[in-house]
Protein backbone atom coordinates (compact mmCIF):
# COMPACT_ATOMS: atom_id res chain seq x y z
CA UNK A 1 292.83 -130.71 -47.16
CA UNK A 2 293.62 -128.54 -44.03
CA UNK A 3 292.19 -129.77 -40.83
CA UNK A 4 289.53 -127.57 -39.11
CA UNK A 5 290.57 -125.48 -36.35
CA UNK A 6 289.11 -127.79 -33.88
CA UNK A 7 291.12 -130.67 -35.06
CA UNK A 8 294.43 -129.04 -36.06
CA UNK A 9 296.43 -129.67 -33.16
CA UNK A 10 295.10 -133.14 -32.43
CA UNK A 11 295.96 -134.24 -35.96
CA UNK A 12 299.77 -132.60 -36.29
CA UNK A 13 301.01 -133.59 -32.93
CA UNK A 14 301.80 -137.56 -32.79
CA UNK A 15 301.92 -138.41 -29.41
CA UNK A 16 299.46 -139.97 -27.18
CA UNK A 17 297.70 -137.36 -24.81
CA UNK A 18 298.89 -138.28 -21.31
CA UNK A 19 297.02 -137.34 -18.13
CA UNK A 20 299.56 -137.99 -15.57
CA UNK A 21 300.29 -135.09 -13.45
CA UNK A 22 302.21 -133.57 -10.62
CA UNK A 23 299.88 -134.28 -7.72
CA UNK A 24 301.32 -134.94 -4.14
CA UNK A 25 299.16 -137.78 -2.72
CA UNK A 26 300.37 -137.18 1.01
CA UNK A 27 297.32 -136.40 3.21
CA UNK A 28 298.94 -133.51 4.56
CA UNK A 29 299.03 -131.73 1.35
CA UNK A 30 295.13 -130.94 1.59
CA UNK A 31 293.64 -134.25 0.17
CA UNK A 32 291.22 -134.64 2.95
CA UNK A 33 290.16 -137.81 3.99
CA UNK A 34 291.84 -141.17 3.10
CA UNK A 35 288.65 -141.99 1.23
CA UNK A 36 288.94 -138.54 -0.59
CA UNK A 37 292.37 -139.48 -1.62
CA UNK A 38 291.29 -142.98 -2.75
CA UNK A 39 288.50 -141.55 -4.94
CA UNK A 40 290.89 -139.19 -6.49
CA UNK A 41 293.57 -141.73 -7.45
CA UNK A 42 290.73 -144.10 -9.00
CA UNK A 43 289.68 -141.22 -10.85
CA UNK A 44 292.85 -140.42 -12.27
CA UNK A 45 293.38 -143.96 -13.14
CA UNK A 46 289.95 -144.05 -15.00
CA UNK A 47 290.83 -140.72 -16.73
CA UNK A 48 294.01 -142.46 -18.09
CA UNK A 49 292.00 -145.29 -19.29
CA UNK A 50 289.66 -143.35 -20.97
CA UNK A 51 286.64 -144.08 -18.57
CA UNK A 52 285.63 -140.73 -18.45
CA UNK A 53 282.18 -141.15 -16.94
CA UNK A 54 283.83 -143.09 -13.93
CA UNK A 55 286.45 -140.74 -13.57
CA UNK A 56 283.69 -137.87 -13.67
CA UNK A 57 281.50 -139.29 -11.00
CA UNK A 58 284.59 -139.84 -8.53
CA UNK A 59 285.96 -136.35 -9.04
CA UNK A 60 282.37 -134.82 -8.41
CA UNK A 61 282.47 -136.87 -5.29
CA UNK A 62 285.97 -135.35 -4.23
CA UNK A 63 284.58 -131.70 -5.09
CA UNK A 64 281.53 -132.34 -2.98
CA UNK A 65 284.11 -132.64 -0.07
CA UNK A 66 286.51 -130.07 -1.23
CA UNK A 67 285.26 -127.59 -3.59
CA UNK A 68 288.42 -125.70 -3.67
CA UNK A 69 290.76 -128.61 -4.67
CA UNK A 70 292.78 -127.35 -7.66
CA UNK A 71 293.80 -130.79 -8.73
CA UNK A 72 290.15 -131.95 -8.49
CA UNK A 73 289.13 -129.00 -10.61
CA UNK A 74 291.93 -129.48 -13.26
CA UNK A 75 291.19 -133.22 -13.69
CA UNK A 76 287.58 -132.53 -14.12
CA UNK A 77 288.75 -129.86 -16.75
CA UNK A 78 290.41 -132.75 -18.30
CA UNK A 79 287.39 -135.14 -18.16
CA UNK A 80 284.94 -132.66 -19.73
CA UNK A 81 287.69 -131.69 -22.29
CA UNK A 82 288.15 -135.24 -23.52
CA UNK A 83 284.06 -135.42 -23.46
CA UNK A 84 284.04 -132.35 -25.58
CA UNK A 85 282.04 -130.53 -22.99
CA UNK A 86 284.29 -127.67 -23.42
CA UNK A 87 282.16 -125.16 -21.65
CA UNK A 88 281.96 -127.09 -18.48
CA UNK A 89 285.49 -127.67 -18.57
CA UNK A 90 286.45 -124.18 -19.10
CA UNK A 91 284.24 -123.23 -16.03
CA UNK A 92 286.45 -125.69 -13.68
CA UNK A 93 289.93 -124.71 -15.16
CA UNK A 94 288.86 -120.98 -14.52
CA UNK A 95 287.91 -121.61 -11.16
CA UNK A 96 291.32 -123.70 -10.52
CA UNK A 97 293.46 -120.80 -12.03
CA UNK A 98 291.50 -118.47 -9.82
CA UNK A 99 292.39 -120.26 -6.79
CA UNK A 100 295.88 -120.86 -7.83
CA UNK A 101 297.21 -118.73 -10.72
CA UNK A 102 300.55 -120.27 -10.61
CA UNK A 103 299.18 -123.73 -11.32
CA UNK A 104 301.17 -124.70 -14.66
CA UNK A 105 298.60 -127.93 -15.27
CA UNK A 106 295.63 -126.06 -14.69
CA UNK A 107 296.70 -123.12 -16.96
CA UNK A 108 297.95 -124.94 -19.75
CA UNK A 109 294.72 -127.09 -19.58
CA UNK A 110 292.74 -123.68 -19.74
CA UNK A 111 294.77 -122.76 -22.69
CA UNK A 112 294.26 -126.20 -24.60
CA UNK A 113 290.21 -125.76 -23.94
CA UNK A 114 290.07 -122.05 -24.96
CA UNK A 115 291.97 -122.86 -28.18
CA UNK A 116 289.42 -125.67 -28.91
CA UNK A 117 286.74 -123.59 -28.02
CA UNK A 118 288.04 -120.90 -30.80
CA UNK A 119 288.57 -118.26 -27.86
CA UNK A 120 292.11 -117.99 -29.93
CA UNK A 121 293.05 -114.42 -27.68
CA UNK A 122 292.35 -116.13 -24.48
CA UNK A 123 294.18 -119.27 -25.46
CA UNK A 124 297.43 -117.12 -25.92
CA UNK A 125 296.93 -115.35 -22.85
CA UNK A 126 296.62 -118.58 -20.85
CA UNK A 127 299.52 -120.24 -22.95
CA UNK A 128 301.86 -117.39 -22.64
CA UNK A 129 301.01 -117.45 -18.81
CA UNK A 130 301.94 -121.01 -18.62
CA UNK A 131 305.26 -120.52 -20.49
CA UNK A 132 306.46 -118.25 -17.89
CA UNK A 133 305.75 -121.18 -15.33
CA UNK A 134 306.96 -123.86 -17.01
CA UNK A 135 309.18 -122.73 -20.17
CA UNK A 136 310.73 -126.41 -20.76
CA UNK A 137 307.38 -127.75 -21.67
CA UNK A 138 307.68 -128.81 -25.21
CA UNK A 139 303.84 -129.53 -25.50
CA UNK A 140 303.11 -125.98 -24.68
CA UNK A 141 305.56 -124.62 -27.29
CA UNK A 142 304.12 -126.80 -29.95
CA UNK A 143 300.47 -125.68 -28.96
CA UNK A 144 301.45 -122.00 -29.27
CA UNK A 145 303.11 -122.63 -32.47
CA UNK A 146 299.80 -124.02 -33.95
CA UNK A 147 297.77 -121.32 -32.20
CA UNK A 148 300.22 -118.51 -33.66
CA UNK A 149 299.85 -120.08 -37.37
CA UNK A 150 295.85 -119.95 -36.84
CA UNK A 151 295.96 -116.59 -35.75
CA UNK A 152 297.96 -115.41 -38.75
CA UNK A 153 300.94 -114.44 -36.69
CA UNK A 154 303.57 -116.39 -38.47
CA UNK A 155 306.75 -114.91 -36.84
CA UNK A 156 305.52 -115.95 -33.50
CA UNK A 157 304.68 -119.30 -34.89
CA UNK A 158 308.40 -119.64 -36.18
CA UNK A 159 309.88 -118.64 -32.79
CA UNK A 160 307.58 -120.92 -30.85
CA UNK A 161 308.95 -123.91 -32.92
CA UNK A 162 312.40 -122.68 -32.84
CA UNK A 163 311.95 -122.81 -28.82
CA UNK A 164 310.91 -126.59 -29.25
CA UNK A 165 314.09 -127.33 -31.38
CA UNK A 166 316.24 -125.31 -28.90
CA UNK A 167 314.86 -127.71 -26.01
CA UNK A 168 314.86 -130.87 -28.24
CA UNK A 169 316.86 -130.88 -31.52
CA UNK A 170 315.40 -134.29 -32.35
CA UNK A 171 311.58 -132.93 -32.50
CA UNK A 172 310.54 -133.97 -35.98
CA UNK A 173 307.17 -131.99 -35.51
CA UNK A 174 308.79 -128.94 -34.86
CA UNK A 175 310.89 -129.23 -37.82
CA UNK A 176 307.72 -130.23 -39.78
CA UNK A 177 306.06 -126.88 -38.41
CA UNK A 178 308.78 -124.87 -39.52
CA UNK A 179 308.61 -126.20 -42.85
CA UNK A 180 304.91 -125.49 -43.08
CA UNK A 181 305.18 -121.86 -41.76
CA UNK A 182 308.12 -120.93 -43.83
CA UNK A 183 306.22 -122.26 -46.95
CA UNK A 184 303.29 -120.23 -45.94
CA UNK A 185 305.47 -117.38 -45.66
CA UNK A 186 307.06 -117.91 -49.34
CA UNK A 187 310.31 -118.65 -47.77
CA UNK A 188 310.75 -121.70 -49.92
CA UNK A 189 314.33 -122.53 -49.24
CA UNK A 190 313.81 -122.41 -45.43
CA UNK A 191 310.69 -124.73 -45.95
CA UNK A 192 312.68 -127.23 -47.82
CA UNK A 193 315.58 -127.36 -45.05
CA UNK A 194 313.18 -127.99 -42.40
CA UNK A 195 310.91 -130.77 -44.21
CA UNK A 196 314.19 -132.27 -44.98
CA UNK A 197 315.29 -132.21 -41.53
CA UNK A 198 311.78 -133.68 -40.07
CA UNK A 199 312.34 -136.58 -42.84
CA UNK A 200 315.74 -137.09 -41.43
CA UNK A 201 314.58 -137.57 -38.16
CA UNK A 202 311.40 -139.60 -39.15
CA UNK A 203 311.76 -141.37 -42.57
CA UNK A 204 307.97 -142.62 -42.74
CA UNK A 205 306.54 -138.94 -42.20
CA UNK A 206 304.08 -139.00 -44.60
CA UNK A 207 302.83 -135.46 -44.10
CA UNK A 208 306.40 -134.03 -44.18
CA UNK A 209 306.98 -136.01 -47.50
CA UNK A 210 303.98 -134.70 -48.91
CA UNK A 211 304.26 -131.27 -48.43
CA UNK A 212 308.10 -131.41 -49.45
CA UNK A 213 306.95 -132.64 -52.83
CA UNK A 214 304.53 -129.72 -52.99
CA UNK A 215 307.30 -127.29 -52.00
CA UNK A 216 309.42 -128.44 -54.80
CA UNK A 217 306.39 -128.38 -57.27
CA UNK A 218 305.57 -124.79 -56.50
CA UNK A 219 309.11 -123.23 -55.46
CA UNK A 220 308.94 -119.46 -56.33
CA UNK A 221 312.86 -119.15 -56.17
CA UNK A 222 313.79 -120.47 -59.48
CA UNK A 223 314.45 -123.84 -57.96
CA UNK A 224 311.37 -125.67 -58.91
CA UNK A 225 311.96 -129.30 -59.44
CA UNK A 226 309.42 -131.47 -60.74
CA UNK A 227 311.48 -134.78 -60.61
CA UNK A 228 312.12 -134.18 -56.79
CA UNK A 229 308.46 -133.48 -56.55
CA UNK A 230 307.59 -136.56 -58.07
CA UNK A 231 310.06 -138.50 -56.11
CA UNK A 232 308.68 -137.37 -52.79
CA UNK A 233 305.21 -137.80 -53.67
CA UNK A 234 306.28 -141.35 -54.54
CA UNK A 235 307.73 -141.52 -51.13
CA UNK A 236 304.81 -140.43 -49.54
CA UNK A 237 302.64 -142.96 -51.40
CA UNK A 238 304.91 -145.70 -50.25
CA UNK A 239 304.16 -144.89 -46.72
CA UNK A 240 300.46 -144.11 -47.02
CA UNK A 241 298.74 -145.15 -50.26
CA UNK A 242 295.61 -143.72 -49.34
CA UNK A 243 296.95 -140.29 -50.06
CA UNK A 244 294.83 -139.73 -52.96
CA UNK A 245 295.97 -136.15 -53.59
CA UNK A 246 299.48 -137.27 -53.98
CA UNK A 247 298.59 -140.22 -56.36
CA UNK A 248 296.75 -137.46 -58.60
CA UNK A 249 299.75 -135.01 -58.34
CA UNK A 250 302.39 -137.58 -58.93
CA UNK A 251 300.41 -139.05 -62.05
CA UNK A 252 300.19 -135.38 -63.60
CA UNK A 253 303.86 -134.59 -63.13
CA UNK A 254 304.95 -138.06 -64.43
CA UNK A 255 302.66 -137.41 -67.65
CA UNK A 256 304.23 -133.94 -67.85
CA UNK A 257 307.78 -135.16 -67.81
CA UNK A 258 307.01 -137.93 -70.14
CA UNK A 259 305.48 -135.55 -72.71
CA UNK A 260 308.60 -133.30 -72.30
CA UNK A 261 310.90 -135.89 -73.36
CA UNK A 262 308.73 -136.81 -76.45
CA UNK A 263 308.64 -132.94 -77.02
CA UNK A 264 311.87 -131.14 -76.10
CA UNK A 265 310.46 -127.61 -76.63
CA UNK A 266 307.62 -128.27 -73.72
CA UNK A 267 306.05 -130.68 -71.59
CA UNK A 268 302.23 -130.33 -73.20
CA UNK A 269 299.53 -128.19 -72.71
CA UNK A 270 299.91 -127.53 -69.34
CA UNK A 271 302.59 -127.59 -66.79
CA UNK A 272 301.64 -128.88 -63.34
CA UNK A 273 302.58 -126.05 -61.17
CA UNK A 274 299.41 -125.54 -59.29
CA UNK A 275 297.99 -128.16 -57.22
CA UNK A 276 294.24 -128.39 -56.66
CA UNK A 277 294.54 -129.49 -52.95
CA UNK A 278 295.99 -128.15 -49.87
CA UNK A 279 299.12 -129.19 -48.49
CA UNK A 280 298.93 -131.29 -45.31
CA UNK A 281 298.92 -129.85 -41.38
C-alpha cells in the first residue's frame, strides 16, 4: 500500500542520508575556542555515525558557548530530526534561519522537518526559498516533487522532477516519480515511458517494475496489455519475491489469459482490470 505522509520521502528516495556539510573549521570564522571547534567536529562525526545522543551532548555544549552559531543550530536540528523530536528540531532550525536567512543547509533542513511534521505550506515555503539559494540540489527538487504530490499539485510535481532530470539525466528516481505522477494524472502513455526509462537506468527497480505492470493492466487509452502486465509483475517478483500484491495480480492475469485461450469468446467471468492494492510509491 502507499506509504504514510511521514514515511513517503524516506521510502522512495534510495540514498543514504548524508550529514556532511559546508562548514568552515577555521577559528577565525566564528568557531570560538579550539575546544569548541573540537567538540563541534566530534559532534559531526557522531552524527554521521548515528550516535545521536553523543552528538547532541557535544552540540549543546557548543551552543552554551555560542548561542548564535548557525552551524551548531543546524546540526542540532539534524540530530533532533533523526531522533524524531520534530518540534525541537524545528525550534533550532527556525532560530538558525532567523540568524542567517541565506543559509541553504539550515533552510533545507527546516523544509524537511516541516514536511515531516505535516506543515506542508511551511515546507513548501522553506524548500522554494532553499531552491533560490542552491538550484543545483537534486535532493531539494526530489523533496519538492514528493511534497507537491502530497499536496495534490501535480503540475508542480512534474516540474520539480523534470528539474531533477535536467540536472541529472541518469536519475532513475526522478523518472519513477514522473511515471507515478503521470499515472495519477491519467496520462498513461507518459507514465509508461517514464517507468521504462527508470527501469532502463536501474533494471532491478522493483517498484518501477510493479507500477509499470499496474499501468499496463489499467491503461485507459485502449492500449491495455495484460501480457506485458504479467511480464512486468513477474520481473518485479524476480527482484523481490516478497511482493505479495504482485504475486496475486500475476496469478489472476495468468488464469485469465489461460481461460481466454480455452474460450476464445472471453477470458472467464471477470477480467482482471481492477487491482485491489495501491501502486507503490
